N, C-alpha and C. Protein backbone atom coordinates (compact mmCIF):
# COMPACT_ATOMS: atom_id res chain seq x y z
N SER A 1 12.65 -45.50 24.93
CA SER A 1 13.32 -44.22 25.05
C SER A 1 14.81 -44.39 25.31
N ARG A 2 15.14 -45.30 26.21
CA ARG A 2 16.56 -45.52 26.52
C ARG A 2 17.33 -46.02 25.30
N GLU A 3 16.69 -46.85 24.49
CA GLU A 3 17.33 -47.37 23.28
C GLU A 3 17.60 -46.24 22.29
N THR A 4 16.67 -45.33 22.15
CA THR A 4 16.86 -44.19 21.26
C THR A 4 18.04 -43.35 21.73
N ILE A 5 18.11 -43.09 23.01
CA ILE A 5 19.22 -42.32 23.56
C ILE A 5 20.54 -43.05 23.33
N ARG A 6 20.53 -44.35 23.56
CA ARG A 6 21.75 -45.15 23.40
C ARG A 6 22.25 -45.11 21.96
N ARG A 7 21.33 -45.09 21.01
CA ARG A 7 21.72 -45.18 19.61
C ARG A 7 22.05 -43.82 18.98
N ASP A 8 21.97 -42.75 19.74
CA ASP A 8 22.27 -41.42 19.20
C ASP A 8 23.70 -41.34 18.67
N ASP A 9 24.63 -42.01 19.33
CA ASP A 9 26.02 -41.98 18.86
C ASP A 9 26.15 -42.59 17.47
N GLU A 10 25.30 -43.58 17.15
CA GLU A 10 25.31 -44.16 15.81
C GLU A 10 24.92 -43.12 14.77
N VAL A 11 23.90 -42.35 15.08
CA VAL A 11 23.45 -41.31 14.16
C VAL A 11 24.55 -40.27 13.97
N ASP A 12 25.19 -39.88 15.06
CA ASP A 12 26.28 -38.91 14.98
C ASP A 12 27.42 -39.45 14.13
N SER A 13 27.76 -40.70 14.32
CA SER A 13 28.83 -41.33 13.56
C SER A 13 28.49 -41.43 12.07
N LEU A 14 27.24 -41.78 11.77
CA LEU A 14 26.82 -41.84 10.37
C LEU A 14 26.89 -40.47 9.72
N PHE A 15 26.53 -39.43 10.45
CA PHE A 15 26.63 -38.09 9.89
C PHE A 15 28.08 -37.76 9.56
N GLU A 16 28.99 -38.09 10.46
CA GLU A 16 30.41 -37.81 10.20
C GLU A 16 30.90 -38.57 8.98
N THR A 17 30.47 -39.81 8.82
CA THR A 17 30.85 -40.61 7.65
C THR A 17 30.32 -39.96 6.37
N ILE A 18 29.06 -39.57 6.39
CA ILE A 18 28.46 -38.92 5.22
C ILE A 18 29.19 -37.61 4.92
N LYS A 19 29.49 -36.85 5.95
CA LYS A 19 30.19 -35.58 5.75
C LYS A 19 31.54 -35.80 5.07
N GLN A 20 32.29 -36.79 5.53
CA GLN A 20 33.59 -37.08 4.91
C GLN A 20 33.44 -37.53 3.46
N GLU A 21 32.42 -38.33 3.18
CA GLU A 21 32.18 -38.77 1.81
C GLU A 21 31.81 -37.59 0.91
N ILE A 22 31.03 -36.68 1.42
CA ILE A 22 30.66 -35.50 0.63
C ILE A 22 31.87 -34.62 0.38
N ILE A 23 32.73 -34.48 1.37
CA ILE A 23 33.97 -33.71 1.17
C ILE A 23 34.82 -34.34 0.07
N ALA A 24 34.91 -35.66 0.09
CA ALA A 24 35.67 -36.36 -0.96
C ALA A 24 35.05 -36.12 -2.33
N ILE A 25 33.74 -36.16 -2.41
CA ILE A 25 33.06 -35.90 -3.69
C ILE A 25 33.35 -34.48 -4.16
N LEU A 26 33.32 -33.53 -3.25
CA LEU A 26 33.57 -32.14 -3.62
C LEU A 26 34.97 -31.94 -4.18
N THR A 27 35.94 -32.64 -3.62
CA THR A 27 37.31 -32.48 -4.12
C THR A 27 37.48 -33.13 -5.49
N GLN A 28 36.73 -34.19 -5.75
CA GLN A 28 36.84 -34.90 -7.02
C GLN A 28 35.95 -34.31 -8.11
N ARG A 29 34.81 -33.77 -7.72
CA ARG A 29 33.83 -33.29 -8.71
C ARG A 29 33.25 -31.95 -8.27
N PRO A 30 34.03 -30.89 -8.37
CA PRO A 30 33.53 -29.58 -7.93
C PRO A 30 32.26 -29.12 -8.65
N ALA A 31 32.00 -29.66 -9.82
CA ALA A 31 30.81 -29.26 -10.58
C ALA A 31 29.51 -29.63 -9.87
N VAL A 32 29.56 -30.58 -8.96
CA VAL A 32 28.34 -31.01 -8.25
C VAL A 32 28.25 -30.39 -6.85
N ALA A 33 28.95 -29.27 -6.66
CA ALA A 33 29.01 -28.64 -5.34
C ALA A 33 27.63 -28.30 -4.80
N ASP A 34 26.76 -27.76 -5.64
CA ASP A 34 25.42 -27.39 -5.16
C ASP A 34 24.67 -28.60 -4.60
N GLN A 35 24.70 -29.69 -5.34
CA GLN A 35 24.00 -30.90 -4.89
C GLN A 35 24.67 -31.48 -3.64
N ALA A 36 25.99 -31.42 -3.59
CA ALA A 36 26.71 -31.97 -2.43
C ALA A 36 26.37 -31.18 -1.17
N VAL A 37 26.31 -29.86 -1.30
CA VAL A 37 25.96 -29.03 -0.14
C VAL A 37 24.53 -29.32 0.30
N ASP A 38 23.63 -29.48 -0.66
CA ASP A 38 22.25 -29.84 -0.30
C ASP A 38 22.20 -31.15 0.46
N LEU A 39 22.95 -32.15 -0.01
CA LEU A 39 22.99 -33.44 0.69
C LEU A 39 23.57 -33.31 2.09
N LEU A 40 24.60 -32.50 2.23
CA LEU A 40 25.20 -32.29 3.55
C LEU A 40 24.19 -31.64 4.50
N MET A 41 23.45 -30.66 4.00
CA MET A 41 22.44 -30.02 4.84
C MET A 41 21.35 -31.00 5.25
N ILE A 42 20.91 -31.83 4.32
CA ILE A 42 19.90 -32.84 4.64
C ILE A 42 20.42 -33.79 5.71
N ALA A 43 21.66 -34.23 5.55
CA ALA A 43 22.26 -35.14 6.54
C ALA A 43 22.33 -34.47 7.91
N LYS A 44 22.70 -33.19 7.94
CA LYS A 44 22.79 -32.48 9.21
C LYS A 44 21.41 -32.33 9.85
N TYR A 45 20.41 -32.03 9.04
CA TYR A 45 19.05 -31.90 9.58
C TYR A 45 18.57 -33.23 10.18
N ILE A 46 18.89 -34.32 9.52
CA ILE A 46 18.50 -35.64 10.05
C ILE A 46 19.23 -35.91 11.36
N GLU A 47 20.50 -35.53 11.43
CA GLU A 47 21.26 -35.70 12.67
C GLU A 47 20.63 -34.87 13.79
N ARG A 48 20.20 -33.65 13.48
CA ARG A 48 19.55 -32.80 14.48
C ARG A 48 18.22 -33.37 14.92
N ILE A 49 17.48 -33.97 13.99
CA ILE A 49 16.23 -34.64 14.37
C ILE A 49 16.52 -35.72 15.40
N GLY A 50 17.62 -36.44 15.20
CA GLY A 50 18.04 -37.45 16.18
C GLY A 50 18.31 -36.82 17.54
N ASP A 51 18.97 -35.67 17.55
CA ASP A 51 19.24 -34.97 18.81
C ASP A 51 17.93 -34.56 19.50
N HIS A 52 17.00 -34.07 18.72
CA HIS A 52 15.70 -33.69 19.30
C HIS A 52 14.97 -34.92 19.85
N ALA A 53 15.06 -36.04 19.14
CA ALA A 53 14.44 -37.29 19.62
C ALA A 53 15.04 -37.70 20.96
N VAL A 54 16.35 -37.54 21.09
CA VAL A 54 17.02 -37.87 22.36
C VAL A 54 16.49 -36.97 23.47
N ASN A 55 16.33 -35.69 23.19
CA ASN A 55 15.79 -34.78 24.21
C ASN A 55 14.38 -35.17 24.62
N ILE A 56 13.55 -35.49 23.65
CA ILE A 56 12.18 -35.92 23.95
C ILE A 56 12.20 -37.19 24.79
N CYS A 57 13.04 -38.14 24.41
CA CYS A 57 13.13 -39.39 25.17
C CYS A 57 13.62 -39.16 26.59
N GLY A 58 14.53 -38.22 26.75
CA GLY A 58 15.00 -37.88 28.09
C GLY A 58 13.86 -37.39 28.97
N TRP A 59 12.99 -36.57 28.39
CA TRP A 59 11.85 -36.08 29.15
C TRP A 59 10.81 -37.16 29.39
N VAL A 60 10.64 -38.07 28.45
CA VAL A 60 9.72 -39.20 28.66
C VAL A 60 10.20 -40.01 29.86
N ILE A 61 11.49 -40.29 29.90
CA ILE A 61 12.05 -41.05 31.03
C ILE A 61 11.82 -40.28 32.33
N PHE A 62 12.00 -38.96 32.29
CA PHE A 62 11.77 -38.15 33.48
C PHE A 62 10.32 -38.25 33.95
N PHE A 63 9.39 -38.14 33.02
CA PHE A 63 7.97 -38.21 33.39
C PHE A 63 7.60 -39.56 33.98
N VAL A 64 8.25 -40.63 33.50
CA VAL A 64 7.93 -41.98 33.97
C VAL A 64 8.65 -42.30 35.28
N THR A 65 9.93 -41.91 35.39
CA THR A 65 10.75 -42.34 36.52
C THR A 65 11.07 -41.23 37.51
N GLY A 66 10.94 -39.99 37.08
CA GLY A 66 11.35 -38.87 37.93
C GLY A 66 12.83 -38.59 37.85
N GLU A 67 13.56 -39.34 37.05
CA GLU A 67 15.01 -39.14 36.89
C GLU A 67 15.29 -38.49 35.54
N HIS A 68 16.20 -37.52 35.55
CA HIS A 68 16.59 -36.86 34.31
C HIS A 68 18.08 -37.04 34.11
N LYS A 69 18.48 -37.15 32.85
CA LYS A 69 19.89 -37.42 32.55
C LYS A 69 20.81 -36.34 33.09
N ASP A 70 20.34 -35.10 33.19
CA ASP A 70 21.18 -34.02 33.69
C ASP A 70 21.17 -33.94 35.22
N LYS A 71 20.24 -34.64 35.84
CA LYS A 71 20.11 -34.74 37.30
C LYS A 71 19.78 -33.42 37.98
N LYS A 72 19.85 -32.29 37.25
CA LYS A 72 19.56 -31.00 37.86
C LYS A 72 18.45 -30.34 37.06
N ILE A 73 17.27 -30.32 37.62
CA ILE A 73 16.12 -29.72 36.97
C ILE A 73 15.80 -28.41 37.69
N ILE A 74 15.75 -27.33 36.95
CA ILE A 74 15.47 -26.02 37.55
C ILE A 74 14.01 -25.69 37.35
C-alpha cells in the first residue's frame, strides 16, 4: 500500500506528459481532434483510478496500523 501511495506522483507526471503530447498533436493535426480528446479522457480516467487506488491504500494502512495520512478522522 505504501508503495502505491509513493508512486502516485509518477502517475500524475505521466498524465501531464501525455496531456502535453496530445496538445502538440492537436496543434499539428486538428483533423484528429476527436481521437485526441478521447485519448486525453482515457488518460485522465486512468490517472483518477490511480487516485482512487491511493485512497484505498490509505484506508488499508489505517485498518492495519490505526494511522491515517490525514491524521484527523471524524
